[in-house]
Amino acid sequence: TYSKALAMLLDGAMLIGTNHDRILA
């Protein structure tokens, strides 16, 4: 799944992460 997302991003899609939490309790 990560590799599929990467292919679309390298093809020009814009990356939008919902949040940048490093860890969760």
PDB file of all heavy atoms in Angstrom:
ATOM      1  N   THR A   1       0.835  -1.205   0.000  1.00  0.00           N
ATOM      2  CA  THR A   1       0.000   0.000   0.000  1.00  0.00           C
ATOM      3  C   THR A   1       0.866   1.250   0.000  1.00  0.00           C
ATOM      4  O   THR A   1       0.600   2.214  -0.732  1.00  0.00           O
ATOM      5  CB  THR A   1      -0.912   0.005   1.237  1.00  0.00           C
ATOM      6  OG1 THR A   1      -1.677  -1.205   1.262  1.00  0.00           O
ATOM      7  CG2 THR A   1      -1.868   1.192   1.207  1.00  0.00           C
ATOM      8  N   TYR A   2       1.907   1.243   0.808  1.00  0.00           N
ATOM      9  CA  TYR A   2       2.822   2.380   0.848  1.00  0.00           C
ATOM     10  C   TYR A   2       3.482   2.587  -0.516  1.00  0.00           C
ATOM     11  O   TYR A   2       3.643   3.716  -0.986  1.00  0.00           O
ATOM     12  CB  TYR A   2       3.897   2.171   1.907  1.00  0.00           C
ATOM     13  CG  TYR A   2       3.409   2.229   3.338  1.00  0.00           C
ATOM     14  CD1 TYR A   2       4.212   1.786   4.377  1.00  0.00           C
ATOM     15  CD2 TYR A   2       2.137   2.720   3.659  1.00  0.00           C
ATOM     16  CE1 TYR A   2       3.785   1.842   5.694  1.00  0.00           C
ATOM     17  CE2 TYR A   2       1.700   2.770   4.969  1.00  0.00           C
ATOM     18  CZ  TYR A   2       2.525   2.328   5.979  1.00  0.00           C
ATOM     19  OH  TYR A   2       2.097   2.380   7.285  1.00  0.00           O
ATOM     20  N   SER A   3       3.863   1.501  -1.162  1.00  0.00           N
ATOM     21  CA  SER A   3       4.526   1.607  -2.464  1.00  0.00           C
ATOM     22  C   SER A   3       3.573   2.135  -3.531  1.00  0.00           C
ATOM     23  O   SER A   3       3.974   2.898  -4.419  1.00  0.00           O
ATOM     24  CB  SER A   3       5.085   0.240  -2.875  1.00  0.00           C
ATOM     25  OG  SER A   3       6.081  -0.177  -1.969  1.00  0.00           O
ATOM     26  N   LYS A   4       2.316   1.752  -3.461  1.00  0.00           N
ATOM     27  CA  LYS A   4       1.324   2.264  -4.406  1.00  0.00           C
ATOM     28  C   LYS A   4       1.142   3.761  -4.214  1.00  0.00           C
ATOM     29  O   LYS A   4       1.091   4.528  -5.200  1.00  0.00           O
ATOM     30  CB  LYS A   4      -0.014   1.539  -4.213  1.00  0.00           C
ATOM     31  CG  LYS A   4      -1.104   1.990  -5.183  1.00  0.00           C
ATOM     32  CD  LYS A   4      -2.361   1.146  -5.028  1.00  0.00           C
ATOM     33  CE  LYS A   4      -3.433   1.591  -6.020  1.00  0.00           C
ATOM     34  NZ  LYS A   4      -4.653   0.733  -5.928  1.00  0.00           N
ATOM     35  N   ALA A   5       1.056   4.198  -2.969  1.00  0.00           N
ATOM     36  CA  ALA A   5       0.940   5.632  -2.697  1.00  0.00           C
ATOM     37  C   ALA A   5       2.164   6.378  -3.214  1.00  0.00           C
ATOM     38  O   ALA A   5       2.053   7.462  -3.797  1.00  0.00           O
ATOM     39  CB  ALA A   5       0.770   5.863  -1.197  1.00  0.00           C
ATOM     40  N   LEU A   6       3.344   5.801  -3.000  1.00  0.00           N
ATOM     41  CA  LEU A   6       4.570   6.445  -3.459  1.00  0.00           C
ATOM     42  C   LEU A   6       4.558   6.634  -4.976  1.00  0.00           C
ATOM     43  O   LEU A   6       4.955   7.695  -5.479  1.00  0.00           O
ATOM     44  CB  LEU A   6       5.780   5.605  -3.049  1.00  0.00           C
ATOM     45  CG  LEU A   6       7.131   6.125  -3.540  1.00  0.00           C
ATOM     46  CD1 LEU A   6       7.440   7.498  -2.963  1.00  0.00           C
ATOM     47  CD2 LEU A   6       8.233   5.129  -3.206  1.00  0.00           C
ATOM     48  N   ALA A   7       4.088   5.639  -5.715  1.00  0.00           N
ATOM     49  CA  ALA A   7       4.049   5.738  -7.173  1.00  0.00           C
ATOM     50  C   ALA A   7       3.179   6.917  -7.621  1.00  0.00           C
ATOM     51  O   ALA A   7       3.547   7.656  -8.542  1.00  0.00           O
ATOM     52  CB  ALA A   7       3.524   4.434  -7.772  1.00  0.00           C
ATOM     53  N   MET A   8       2.053   7.123  -6.966  1.00  0.00           N
ATOM     54  CA  MET A   8       1.172   8.234  -7.330  1.00  0.00           C
ATOM     55  C   MET A   8       1.807   9.575  -6.969  1.00  0.00           C
ATOM     56  O   MET A   8       1.672  10.551  -7.713  1.00  0.00           O
ATOM     57  CB  MET A   8      -0.179   8.078  -6.620  1.00  0.00           C
ATOM     58  CG  MET A   8      -0.945   6.850  -7.045  1.00  0.00           C
ATOM     59  SD  MET A   8      -2.461   6.669  -6.083  1.00  0.00           S
ATOM     60  CE  MET A   8      -2.768   4.918  -6.320  1.00  0.00           C
ATOM     61  N   LEU A   9       2.486   9.614  -5.857  1.00  0.00           N
ATOM     62  CA  LEU A   9       3.161  10.854  -5.454  1.00  0.00           C
ATOM     63  C   LEU A   9       4.285  11.199  -6.419  1.00  0.00           C
ATOM     64  O   LEU A   9       4.455  12.360  -6.805  1.00  0.00           O
ATOM     65  CB  LEU A   9       3.702  10.712  -4.023  1.00  0.00           C
ATOM     66  CG  LEU A   9       2.637  10.639  -2.932  1.00  0.00           C
ATOM     67  CD1 LEU A   9       3.238  10.148  -1.627  1.00  0.00           C
ATOM     68  CD2 LEU A   9       1.983  12.010  -2.738  1.00  0.00           C
ATOM     69  N   LEU A  10       5.037  10.206  -6.836  1.00  0.00           N
ATOM     70  CA  LEU A  10       6.122  10.444  -7.793  1.00  0.00           C
ATOM     71  C   LEU A  10       5.576  10.810  -9.168  1.00  0.00           C
ATOM     72  O   LEU A  10       6.276  11.432  -9.976  1.00  0.00           O
ATOM     73  CB  LEU A  10       7.021   9.207  -7.883  1.00  0.00           C
ATOM     74  CG  LEU A  10       7.811   8.873  -6.606  1.00  0.00           C
ATOM     75  CD1 LEU A  10       8.596   7.572  -6.800  1.00  0.00           C
ATOM     76  CD2 LEU A  10       8.742  10.016  -6.230  1.00  0.00           C
ATOM     77  N   ASP A  11       4.319  10.442  -9.423  1.00  0.00           N
ATOM     78  CA  ASP A  11       3.667  10.782 -10.688  1.00  0.00           C
ATOM     79  C   ASP A  11       3.055  12.181 -10.671  1.00  0.00           C
ATOM     80  O   ASP A  11       2.464  12.623 -11.650  1.00  0.00           O
ATOM     81  CB  ASP A  11       2.580   9.740 -10.993  1.00  0.00           C
ATOM     82  CG  ASP A  11       2.036   9.848 -12.411  1.00  0.00           C
ATOM     83  OD1 ASP A  11       2.846  10.017 -13.350  1.00  0.00           O
ATOM     84  OD2 ASP A  11       0.800   9.783 -12.570  1.00  0.00           O
ATOM     85  N   GLY A  12       3.163  12.868  -9.535  1.00  0.00           N
ATOM     86  CA  GLY A  12       2.704  14.259  -9.500  1.00  0.00           C
ATOM     87  C   GLY A  12       1.630  14.597  -8.497  1.00  0.00           C
ATOM     88  O   GLY A  12       1.277  15.769  -8.347  1.00  0.00           O
ATOM     89  N   ALA A  13       1.061  13.595  -7.814  1.00  0.00           N
ATOM     90  CA  ALA A  13       0.044  13.885  -6.799  1.00  0.00           C
ATOM     91  C   ALA A  13       0.685  14.634  -5.629  1.00  0.00           C
ATOM     92  O   ALA A  13       1.853  14.444  -5.309  1.00  0.00           O
ATOM     93  CB  ALA A  13      -0.603  12.601  -6.317  1.00  0.00           C
ATOM     94  N   MET A  14      -0.104  15.476  -4.987  1.00  0.00           N
ATOM     95  CA  MET A  14       0.362  16.223  -3.822  1.00  0.00           C
ATOM     96  C   MET A  14       0.143  15.408  -2.552  1.00  0.00           C
ATOM     97  O   MET A  14      -0.923  14.835  -2.348  1.00  0.00           O
ATOM     98  CB  MET A  14      -0.395  17.547  -3.717  1.00  0.00           C
ATOM     99  CG  MET A  14       0.011  18.394  -2.531  1.00  0.00           C
ATOM    100  SD  MET A  14      -0.913  19.973  -2.485  1.00  0.00           S
ATOM    101  CE  MET A  14      -0.323  20.648  -0.917  1.00  0.00           C
ATOM    102  N   LEU A  15       1.163  15.338  -1.722  1.00  0.00           N
ATOM    103  CA  LEU A  15       1.085  14.636  -0.449  1.00  0.00           C
ATOM    104  C   LEU A  15       0.377  15.504   0.590  1.00  0.00           C
ATOM    105  O   LEU A  15       0.757  16.657   0.808  1.00  0.00           O
ATOM    106  CB  LEU A  15       2.506  14.311   0.036  1.00  0.00           C
ATOM    107  CG  LEU A  15       2.645  13.755   1.453  1.00  0.00           C
ATOM    108  CD1 LEU A  15       1.973  12.385   1.562  1.00  0.00           C
ATOM    109  CD2 LEU A  15       4.125  13.661   1.843  1.00  0.00           C
ATOM    110  N   ILE A  16      -0.648  14.937   1.225  1.00  0.00           N
ATOM    111  CA  ILE A  16      -1.322  15.631   2.327  1.00  0.00           C
ATOM    112  C   ILE A  16      -1.486  14.652   3.482  1.00  0.00           C
ATOM    113  O   ILE A  16      -2.313  13.743   3.435  1.00  0.00           O
ATOM    114  CB  ILE A  16      -2.692  16.194   1.912  1.00  0.00           C
ATOM    115  CG1 ILE A  16      -2.522  17.235   0.788  1.00  0.00           C
ATOM    116  CG2 ILE A  16      -3.399  16.820   3.111  1.00  0.00           C
ATOM    117  CD1 ILE A  16      -3.781  17.946   0.393  1.00  0.00           C
ATOM    118  N   GLY A  17      -0.667  14.845   4.505  1.00  0.00           N
ATOM    119  CA  GLY A  17      -0.794  14.050   5.714  1.00  0.00           C
ATOM    120  C   GLY A  17      -1.781  14.703   6.656  1.00  0.00           C
ATOM    121  O   GLY A  17      -1.767  15.927   6.838  1.00  0.00           O
ATOM    122  N   THR A  18      -2.631  13.910   7.265  1.00  0.00           N
ATOM    123  CA  THR A  18      -3.638  14.497   8.151  1.00  0.00           C
ATOM    124  C   THR A  18      -3.014  15.062   9.421  1.00  0.00           C
ATOM    125  O   THR A  18      -3.522  16.025   9.990  1.00  0.00           O
ATOM    126  CB  THR A  18      -4.700  13.462   8.543  1.00  0.00           C
ATOM    127  OG1 THR A  18      -4.076  12.372   9.237  1.00  0.00           O
ATOM    128  CG2 THR A  18      -5.433  12.933   7.323  1.00  0.00           C
ATOM    129  N   ASN A  19      -1.921  14.468   9.879  1.00  0.00           N
ATOM    130  CA  ASN A  19      -1.307  14.912  11.138  1.00  0.00           C
ATOM    131  C   ASN A  19       0.097  14.332  11.253  1.00  0.00           C
ATOM    132  O   ASN A  19       0.466  13.406  10.524  1.00  0.00           O
ATOM    133  CB  ASN A  19      -2.148  14.482  12.338  1.00  0.00           C
ATOM    134  CG  ASN A  19      -2.276  12.977  12.465  1.00  0.00           C
ATOM    135  OD1 ASN A  19      -2.886  12.325  11.621  1.00  0.00           O
ATOM    136  ND2 ASN A  19      -1.689  12.422  13.496  1.00  0.00           N
ATOM    137  N   HIS A  20       0.865  14.898  12.182  1.00  0.00           N
ATOM    138  CA  HIS A  20       2.267  14.507  12.338  1.00  0.00           C
ATOM    139  C   HIS A  20       2.576  13.953  13.738  1.00  0.00           C
ATOM    140  O   HIS A  20       3.698  14.092  14.229  1.00  0.00           O
ATOM    141  CB  HIS A  20       3.173  15.700  12.021  1.00  0.00           C
ATOM    142  CG  HIS A  20       3.385  15.919  10.555  1.00  0.00           C
ATOM    143  ND1 HIS A  20       2.389  16.387   9.714  1.00  0.00           N
ATOM    144  CD2 HIS A  20       4.472  15.724   9.762  1.00  0.00           C
ATOM    145  CE1 HIS A  20       2.854  16.469   8.484  1.00  0.00           C
ATOM    146  NE2 HIS A  20       4.112  16.087   8.485  1.00  0.00           N
ATOM    147  N   ASP A  21       1.617  13.290  14.372  1.00  0.00           N
ATOM    148  CA  ASP A  21       1.890  12.646  15.657  1.00  0.00           C
ATOM    149  C   ASP A  21       2.981  11.584  15.490  1.00  0.00           C
ATOM    150  O   ASP A  21       2.858  10.692  14.649  1.00  0.00           O
ATOM    151  CB  ASP A  21       0.643  11.934  16.193  1.00  0.00           C
ATOM    152  CG  ASP A  21      -0.484  12.880  16.545  1.00  0.00           C
ATOM    153  OD1 ASP A  21      -0.853  13.689  15.684  1.00  0.00           O
ATOM    154  OD2 ASP A  21      -0.987  12.792  17.675  1.00  0.00           O
ATOM    155  N   ARG A  22       4.011  11.652  16.331  1.00  0.00           N
ATOM    156  CA  ARG A  22       5.080  10.659  16.245  1.00  0.00           C
ATOM    157  C   ARG A  22       4.661   9.333  16.865  1.00  0.00           C
ATOM    158  O   ARG A  22       4.937   8.262  16.319  1.00  0.00           O
ATOM    159  CB  ARG A  22       6.349  11.182  16.936  1.00  0.00           C
ATOM    160  CG  ARG A  22       6.960  12.382  16.243  1.00  0.00           C
ATOM    161  CD  ARG A  22       8.285  12.801  16.872  1.00  0.00           C
ATOM    162  NE  ARG A  22       8.095  13.226  18.263  1.00  0.00           N
ATOM    163  CZ  ARG A  22       8.500  12.537  19.323  1.00  0.00           C
ATOM    164  NH1 ARG A  22       9.103  11.370  19.159  1.00  0.00           N
ATOM    165  NH2 ARG A  22       8.298  12.995  20.554  1.00  0.00           N
ATOM    166  N   ILE A  23       4.015   9.397  18.041  1.00  0.00           N
ATOM    167  CA  ILE A  23       3.592   8.191  18.743  1.00  0.00           C
ATOM    168  C   ILE A  23       2.195   8.384  19.304  1.00  0.00           C
ATOM    169  O   ILE A  23       1.721   9.507  19.457  1.00  0.00           O
ATOM    170  CB  ILE A  23       4.555   7.808  19.890  1.00  0.00           C
ATOM    171  CG1 ILE A  23       4.649   8.945  20.934  1.00  0.00           C
ATOM    172  CG2 ILE A  23       5.933   7.463  19.331  1.00  0.00           C
ATOM    173  CD1 ILE A  23       5.487   8.586  22.143  1.00  0.00           C
ATOM    174  N   LEU A  24       1.545   7.268  19.604  1.00  0.00           N
ATOM    175  CA  LEU A  24       0.218   7.273  20.219  1.00  0.00           C
ATOM    176  C   LEU A  24       0.253   6.440  21.499  1.00  0.00           C
ATOM    177  O   LEU A  24       0.930   5.403  21.555  1.00  0.00           O
ATOM    178  CB  LEU A  24      -0.827   6.670  19.273  1.00  0.00           C
ATOM    179  CG  LEU A  24      -1.117   7.400  17.963  1.00  0.00           C
ATOM    180  CD1 LEU A  24      -2.083   6.562  17.125  1.00  0.00           C
ATOM    181  CD2 LEU A  24      -1.693   8.771  18.227  1.00  0.00           C
ATOM    182  N   ALA A  25      -0.474   6.888  22.507  1.00  0.00           N
ATOM    183  CA  ALA A  25      -0.593   6.106  23.737  1.00  0.00           C
ATOM    184  C   ALA A  25      -1.536   4.934  23.526  1.00  0.00           C
ATOM    185  O   ALA A  25      -2.560   5.044  22.856  1.00  0.00           O
ATOM    186  CB  ALA A  25      -1.109   7.000  24.867  1.00  0.00           C
TER     187      ALA A  25
END
